[in-house]
Amino acid sequence: MTARRPTTSSSRRGAPRDKSARVRRDVRDATRDITRALTEGVARRTPAENRLIKSRPLRILAWASAGIVGLAVAAAFFVFPMRDYFDQHEAIAQRSAEFEALADANEQLQDEIDALQTPAGVVGAARSELGYVYPGERRVNLLQMPNLPTTLPATWPYSMVSNIMSVRIVETARPGGPLGGLQP
């Protein structure tokens, strides 16, 4: 193999022949430097002449803008869909509860239909709904007891009765209490 000799006498060994070769060498050196910095784990600052934005306030503004865009993207891909997911989850739970209530109502209606299809159910419905009685029977209508007034004067004999009534109201309202059986 023969070595090539320069064609011109002015070119020296290692010197770039033209401007494009110099640019290629500069790019190659810059790439090597960046690769070396990345592989060594050493973070080096970019020289001021190589920066895209040379002014510090504009760089800060660019980084802030990039952060805002990043947050907007994160919100668009994560926050809003999660909020929609939870809203849909809540709506599904509400619809499921409504479905269960309607299913219970349907079941009660089906039980009533099944009861009305028997002779005893028909007789019971005729007695309760229409007031039907067999011959020889007598129907007695009982009215509900009217609510009595519970406001009494605040003087001596009535104050003791008011206290007794308030204690009994509390005791009847409590399930399993001594007066719990007195409720209608």
C-alpha atoms as a PDB file:
ATOM      1  CA  MET A   1       0.000   0.000   0.000  1.00  0.00           C
ATOM      2  CA  THR A   2       1.360   3.350  -0.907  1.00  0.00           C
ATOM      3  CA  ALA A   3       0.948   6.497   1.114  1.00  0.00           C
ATOM      4  CA  ARG A   4      -0.765   9.409  -0.472  1.00  0.00           C
ATOM      5  CA  ARG A   5       1.067  12.592  -0.824  1.00  0.00           C
ATOM      6  CA  PRO A   6      -0.520  15.987  -0.749  1.00  0.00           C
ATOM      7  CA  THR A   7      -1.105  17.445  -4.134  1.00  0.00           C
ATOM      8  CA  THR A   8      -0.260  20.984  -3.157  1.00  0.00           C
ATOM      9  CA  SER A   9       2.795  22.091  -1.417  1.00  0.00           C
ATOM     10  CA  SER A  10       0.958  24.511   0.855  1.00  0.00           C
ATOM     11  CA  SER A  11      -1.054  21.846   2.654  1.00  0.00           C
ATOM     12  CA  ARG A  12       0.468  20.543   5.821  1.00  0.00           C
ATOM     13  CA  ARG A  13      -0.141  17.243   7.472  1.00  0.00           C
ATOM     14  CA  GLY A  14      -3.219  17.377   9.861  1.00  0.00           C
ATOM     15  CA  ALA A  15      -4.348  20.803   8.702  1.00  0.00           C
ATOM     16  CA  PRO A  16      -7.820  20.984   7.207  1.00  0.00           C
ATOM     17  CA  ARG A  17      -7.939  21.494   3.478  1.00  0.00           C
ATOM     18  CA  ASP A  18     -11.128  23.509   3.365  1.00  0.00           C
ATOM     19  CA  LYS A  19     -13.805  25.023   5.523  1.00  0.00           C
ATOM     20  CA  SER A  20     -16.187  22.015   5.391  1.00  0.00           C
ATOM     21  CA  ALA A  21     -13.476  19.732   6.725  1.00  0.00           C
ATOM     22  CA  ARG A  22     -12.885  22.127   9.610  1.00  0.00           C
ATOM     23  CA  VAL A  23     -16.635  22.175  10.405  1.00  0.00           C
ATOM     24  CA  ARG A  24     -16.761  18.374  10.317  1.00  0.00           C
ATOM     25  CA  ARG A  25     -13.807  18.199  12.674  1.00  0.00           C
ATOM     26  CA  ASP A  26     -15.426  20.714  15.058  1.00  0.00           C
ATOM     27  CA  VAL A  27     -18.699  18.738  15.050  1.00  0.00           C
ATOM     28  CA  ARG A  28     -16.798  15.490  15.595  1.00  0.00           C
ATOM     29  CA  ASP A  29     -14.878  17.009  18.522  1.00  0.00           C
ATOM     30  CA  ALA A  30     -18.040  18.456  20.053  1.00  0.00           C
ATOM     31  CA  THR A  31     -19.784  15.099  19.707  1.00  0.00           C
ATOM     32  CA  ARG A  32     -16.830  13.358  21.322  1.00  0.00           C
ATOM     33  CA  ASP A  33     -16.851  15.833  24.178  1.00  0.00           C
ATOM     34  CA  ILE A  34     -20.573  15.386  24.764  1.00  0.00           C
ATOM     35  CA  THR A  35     -20.312  11.608  24.568  1.00  0.00           C
ATOM     36  CA  ARG A  36     -17.345  11.597  26.940  1.00  0.00           C
ATOM     37  CA  ALA A  37     -19.229  13.820  29.402  1.00  0.00           C
ATOM     38  CA  LEU A  38     -22.286  11.567  29.279  1.00  0.00           C
ATOM     39  CA  THR A  39     -20.324   8.360  29.706  1.00  0.00           C
ATOM     40  CA  GLU A  40     -18.204   9.723  32.521  1.00  0.00           C
ATOM     41  CA  GLY A  41     -21.248  11.092  34.314  1.00  0.00           C
ATOM     42  CA  VAL A  42     -19.699  14.530  34.496  1.00  0.00           C
ATOM     43  CA  ALA A  43     -22.099  17.373  33.837  1.00  0.00           C
ATOM     44  CA  ARG A  44     -20.350  20.218  32.124  1.00  0.00           C
ATOM     45  CA  ARG A  45     -21.828  23.555  31.356  1.00  0.00           C
ATOM     46  CA  THR A  46     -22.355  24.437  27.751  1.00  0.00           C
ATOM     47  CA  PRO A  47     -20.023  27.208  26.658  1.00  0.00           C
ATOM     48  CA  ALA A  48     -21.766  30.551  26.187  1.00  0.00           C
ATOM     49  CA  GLU A  49     -21.052  30.674  22.436  1.00  0.00           C
ATOM     50  CA  ASN A  50     -22.731  27.269  21.912  1.00  0.00           C
ATOM     51  CA  ARG A  51     -25.943  28.058  23.747  1.00  0.00           C
ATOM     52  CA  LEU A  52     -29.180  28.308  21.813  1.00  0.00           C
ATOM     53  CA  ILE A  53     -30.437  31.150  24.003  1.00  0.00           C
ATOM     54  CA  LYS A  54     -27.586  33.352  25.155  1.00  0.00           C
ATOM     55  CA  SER A  55     -29.457  35.686  27.518  1.00  0.00           C
ATOM     56  CA  ARG A  56     -29.938  34.338  31.065  1.00  0.00           C
ATOM     57  CA  PRO A  57     -33.447  35.867  31.589  1.00  0.00           C
ATOM     58  CA  LEU A  58     -34.598  34.352  28.296  1.00  0.00           C
ATOM     59  CA  ARG A  59     -33.184  30.950  29.301  1.00  0.00           C
ATOM     60  CA  ILE A  60     -35.048  31.144  32.601  1.00  0.00           C
ATOM     61  CA  LEU A  61     -38.210  32.103  30.743  1.00  0.00           C
ATOM     62  CA  ALA A  62     -37.682  29.201  28.311  1.00  0.00           C
ATOM     63  CA  TRP A  63     -37.215  26.721  31.174  1.00  0.00           C
ATOM     64  CA  ALA A  64     -40.313  28.087  32.946  1.00  0.00           C
ATOM     65  CA  SER A  65     -42.311  27.806  29.725  1.00  0.00           C
ATOM     66  CA  ALA A  66     -41.089  24.254  29.231  1.00  0.00           C
ATOM     67  CA  GLY A  67     -42.110  23.436  32.807  1.00  0.00           C
ATOM     68  CA  ILE A  68     -45.561  24.899  32.276  1.00  0.00           C
ATOM     69  CA  VAL A  69     -45.973  22.938  29.055  1.00  0.00           C
ATOM     70  CA  GLY A  70     -44.792  19.798  30.862  1.00  0.00           C
ATOM     71  CA  LEU A  71     -47.312  20.344  33.652  1.00  0.00           C
ATOM     72  CA  ALA A  72     -50.068  20.944  31.098  1.00  0.00           C
ATOM     73  CA  VAL A  73     -49.175  17.713  29.317  1.00  0.00           C
ATOM     74  CA  ALA A  74     -49.084  15.826  32.620  1.00  0.00           C
ATOM     75  CA  ALA A  75     -52.486  17.271  33.552  1.00  0.00           C
ATOM     76  CA  ALA A  76     -53.926  16.391  30.163  1.00  0.00           C
ATOM     77  CA  PHE A  77     -52.678  12.799  30.280  1.00  0.00           C
ATOM     78  CA  PHE A  78     -53.004  12.010  33.996  1.00  0.00           C
ATOM     79  CA  VAL A  79     -55.032  14.460  36.115  1.00  0.00           C
ATOM     80  CA  PHE A  80     -58.090  15.021  33.925  1.00  0.00           C
ATOM     81  CA  PRO A  81     -58.513  11.359  32.945  1.00  0.00           C
ATOM     82  CA  MET A  82     -58.219  10.297  36.597  1.00  0.00           C
ATOM     83  CA  ARG A  83     -60.850  12.852  37.600  1.00  0.00           C
ATOM     84  CA  ASP A  84     -63.127  11.505  34.861  1.00  0.00           C
ATOM     85  CA  TYR A  85     -62.406   7.964  36.022  1.00  0.00           C
ATOM     86  CA  PHE A  86     -63.452   8.756  39.589  1.00  0.00           C
ATOM     87  CA  ASP A  87     -66.571  10.606  38.379  1.00  0.00           C
ATOM     88  CA  GLN A  88     -67.524   7.617  36.252  1.00  0.00           C
ATOM     89  CA  HIS A  89     -66.826   5.257  39.139  1.00  0.00           C
ATOM     90  CA  GLU A  90     -69.156   7.295  41.359  1.00  0.00           C
ATOM     91  CA  ALA A  91     -71.847   7.384  38.654  1.00  0.00           C
ATOM     92  CA  ILE A  92     -71.604   3.609  38.207  1.00  0.00           C
ATOM     93  CA  ALA A  93     -71.950   3.095  41.965  1.00  0.00           C
ATOM     94  CA  GLN A  94     -75.023   5.361  42.013  1.00  0.00           C
ATOM     95  CA  ARG A  95     -76.590   3.528  39.052  1.00  0.00           C
ATOM     96  CA  SER A  96     -75.855   0.189  40.715  1.00  0.00           C
ATOM     97  CA  ALA A  97     -77.651   1.334  43.868  1.00  0.00           C
ATOM     98  CA  GLU A  98     -80.628   2.494  41.772  1.00  0.00           C
ATOM     99  CA  PHE A  99     -80.626  -0.845  39.959  1.00  0.00           C
ATOM    100  CA  GLU A 100     -80.643  -2.730  43.267  1.00  0.00           C
ATOM    101  CA  ALA A 101     -83.581  -0.624  44.515  1.00  0.00           C
ATOM    102  CA  LEU A 102     -85.506  -1.272  41.307  1.00  0.00           C
ATOM    103  CA  ALA A 103     -84.686  -4.979  41.486  1.00  0.00           C
ATOM    104  CA  ASP A 104     -86.044  -5.074  45.056  1.00  0.00           C
ATOM    105  CA  ALA A 105     -89.219  -3.266  43.971  1.00  0.00           C
ATOM    106  CA  ASN A 106     -89.634  -5.716  41.068  1.00  0.00           C
ATOM    107  CA  GLU A 107     -89.184  -8.629  43.452  1.00  0.00           C
ATOM    108  CA  GLN A 108     -91.843  -7.259  45.831  1.00  0.00           C
ATOM    109  CA  LEU A 109     -94.242  -6.756  42.925  1.00  0.00           C
ATOM    110  CA  GLN A 110     -93.589 -10.293  41.707  1.00  0.00           C
ATOM    111  CA  ASP A 111     -94.271 -11.623  45.226  1.00  0.00           C
ATOM    112  CA  GLU A 112     -97.562  -9.670  45.283  1.00  0.00           C
ATOM    113  CA  ILE A 113     -98.498 -11.034  41.836  1.00  0.00           C
ATOM    114  CA  ASP A 114     -97.712 -14.574  42.995  1.00  0.00           C
ATOM    115  CA  ALA A 115     -99.848 -14.069  46.130  1.00  0.00           C
ATOM    116  CA  LEU A 116    -102.760 -12.665  44.106  1.00  0.00           C
ATOM    117  CA  GLN A 117    -102.757 -15.704  41.827  1.00  0.00           C
ATOM    118  CA  THR A 118    -103.804 -17.960  44.729  1.00  0.00           C
ATOM    119  CA  PRO A 119    -107.426 -18.159  46.006  1.00  0.00           C
ATOM    120  CA  ALA A 120    -106.364 -17.028  49.493  1.00  0.00           C
ATOM    121  CA  GLY A 121    -104.549 -14.035  47.999  1.00  0.00           C
ATOM    122  CA  VAL A 122    -107.609 -13.014  45.990  1.00  0.00           C
ATOM    123  CA  VAL A 123    -109.829 -13.224  49.086  1.00  0.00           C
ATOM    124  CA  GLY A 124    -107.308 -11.245  51.148  1.00  0.00           C
ATOM    125  CA  ALA A 125    -107.051  -8.534  48.498  1.00  0.00           C
ATOM    126  CA  ALA A 126    -110.850  -8.339  48.219  1.00  0.00           C
ATOM    127  CA  ARG A 127    -111.161  -7.974  51.995  1.00  0.00           C
ATOM    128  CA  SER A 128    -108.427  -5.333  52.354  1.00  0.00           C
ATOM    129  CA  GLU A 129    -108.933  -3.323  49.163  1.00  0.00           C
ATOM    130  CA  LEU A 130    -112.685  -3.585  48.577  1.00  0.00           C
ATOM    131  CA  GLY A 131    -113.992  -4.211  52.083  1.00  0.00           C
ATOM    132  CA  TYR A 132    -115.477  -7.599  51.064  1.00  0.00           C
ATOM    133  CA  VAL A 133    -117.064  -9.745  53.833  1.00  0.00           C
ATOM    134  CA  TYR A 134    -118.601 -13.205  53.686  1.00  0.00           C
ATOM    135  CA  PRO A 135    -122.310 -13.528  54.309  1.00  0.00           C
ATOM    136  CA  GLY A 136    -122.950 -13.579  58.048  1.00  0.00           C
ATOM    137  CA  GLU A 137    -119.804 -11.627  58.869  1.00  0.00           C
ATOM    138  CA  ARG A 138    -119.906  -8.114  60.182  1.00  0.00           C
ATOM    139  CA  ARG A 139    -117.266  -5.615  59.331  1.00  0.00           C
ATOM    140  CA  VAL A 140    -116.109  -3.285  62.089  1.00  0.00           C
ATOM    141  CA  ASN A 141    -114.116  -0.245  61.025  1.00  0.00           C
ATOM    142  CA  LEU A 142    -111.653   1.011  63.588  1.00  0.00           C
ATOM    143  CA  LEU A 143    -110.351   4.519  63.285  1.00  0.00           C
ATOM    144  CA  GLN A 144    -106.836   5.352  64.209  1.00  0.00           C
ATOM    145  CA  MET A 145    -106.313   7.054  67.529  1.00  0.00           C
ATOM    146  CA  PRO A 146    -105.936  10.823  67.058  1.00  0.00           C
ATOM    147  CA  ASN A 147    -102.738  12.473  68.205  1.00  0.00           C
ATOM    148  CA  LEU A 148    -103.278  14.078  71.556  1.00  0.00           C
ATOM    149  CA  PRO A 149    -101.818  17.474  72.347  1.00  0.00           C
ATOM    150  CA  THR A 150     -98.724  17.282  74.520  1.00  0.00           C
ATOM    151  CA  THR A 151     -98.457  20.951  75.423  1.00  0.00           C
ATOM    152  CA  LEU A 152     -99.409  21.435  79.038  1.00  0.00           C
ATOM    153  CA  PRO A 153     -99.173  24.502  81.237  1.00  0.00           C
ATOM    154  CA  ALA A 154     -95.866  24.989  83.057  1.00  0.00           C
ATOM    155  CA  THR A 155     -97.431  25.081  86.550  1.00  0.00           C
ATOM    156  CA  TRP A 156     -96.948  22.437  89.251  1.00  0.00           C
ATOM    157  CA  PRO A 157     -99.138  19.448  88.580  1.00  0.00           C
ATOM    158  CA  TYR A 158     -98.697  19.704  84.825  1.00  0.00           C
ATOM    159  CA  SER A 159     -94.922  20.085  84.933  1.00  0.00           C
ATOM    160  CA  MET A 160     -94.623  16.675  86.608  1.00  0.00           C
ATOM    161  CA  VAL A 161     -96.816  15.080  83.913  1.00  0.00           C
ATOM    162  CA  SER A 162     -94.708  16.784  81.187  1.00  0.00           C
ATOM    163  CA  ASN A 163     -91.527  15.328  82.732  1.00  0.00           C
ATOM    164  CA  ILE A 164     -93.061  11.840  82.865  1.00  0.00           C
ATOM    165  CA  MET A 165     -94.161  12.129  79.225  1.00  0.00           C
ATOM    166  CA  SER A 166     -90.723  13.257  78.071  1.00  0.00           C
ATOM    167  CA  VAL A 167     -89.073  10.308  79.868  1.00  0.00           C
ATOM    168  CA  ARG A 168     -91.547   7.864  78.300  1.00  0.00           C
ATOM    169  CA  ILE A 169     -90.999   9.323  74.818  1.00  0.00           C
ATOM    170  CA  VAL A 170     -87.254   8.821  75.190  1.00  0.00           C
ATOM    171  CA  GLU A 171     -87.695   5.267  76.508  1.00  0.00           C
ATOM    172  CA  THR A 172     -90.102   4.227  73.754  1.00  0.00           C
ATOM    173  CA  ALA A 173     -87.811   5.640  71.070  1.00  0.00           C
ATOM    174  CA  ARG A 174     -84.900   3.500  72.290  1.00  0.00           C
ATOM    175  CA  PRO A 175     -85.030  -0.004  70.758  1.00  0.00           C
ATOM    176  CA  GLY A 176     -84.915  -2.799  73.299  1.00  0.00           C
ATOM    177  CA  GLY A 177     -85.831  -0.424  76.125  1.00  0.00           C
ATOM    178  CA  PRO A 178     -88.386  -1.319  78.835  1.00  0.00           C
ATOM    179  CA  LEU A 179     -91.150   0.566  77.007  1.00  0.00           C
ATOM    180  CA  GLY A 180     -90.124  -0.544  73.517  1.00  0.00           C
ATOM    181  CA  GLY A 181     -93.045  -3.015  73.293  1.00  0.00           C
ATOM    182  CA  LEU A 182     -95.612  -0.237  73.769  1.00  0.00           C
ATOM    183  CA  GLN A 183     -95.039   1.214  70.351  1.00  0.00           C
ATOM    184  CA  PRO A 184     -97.759   0.496  67.784  1.00  0.00           C
END
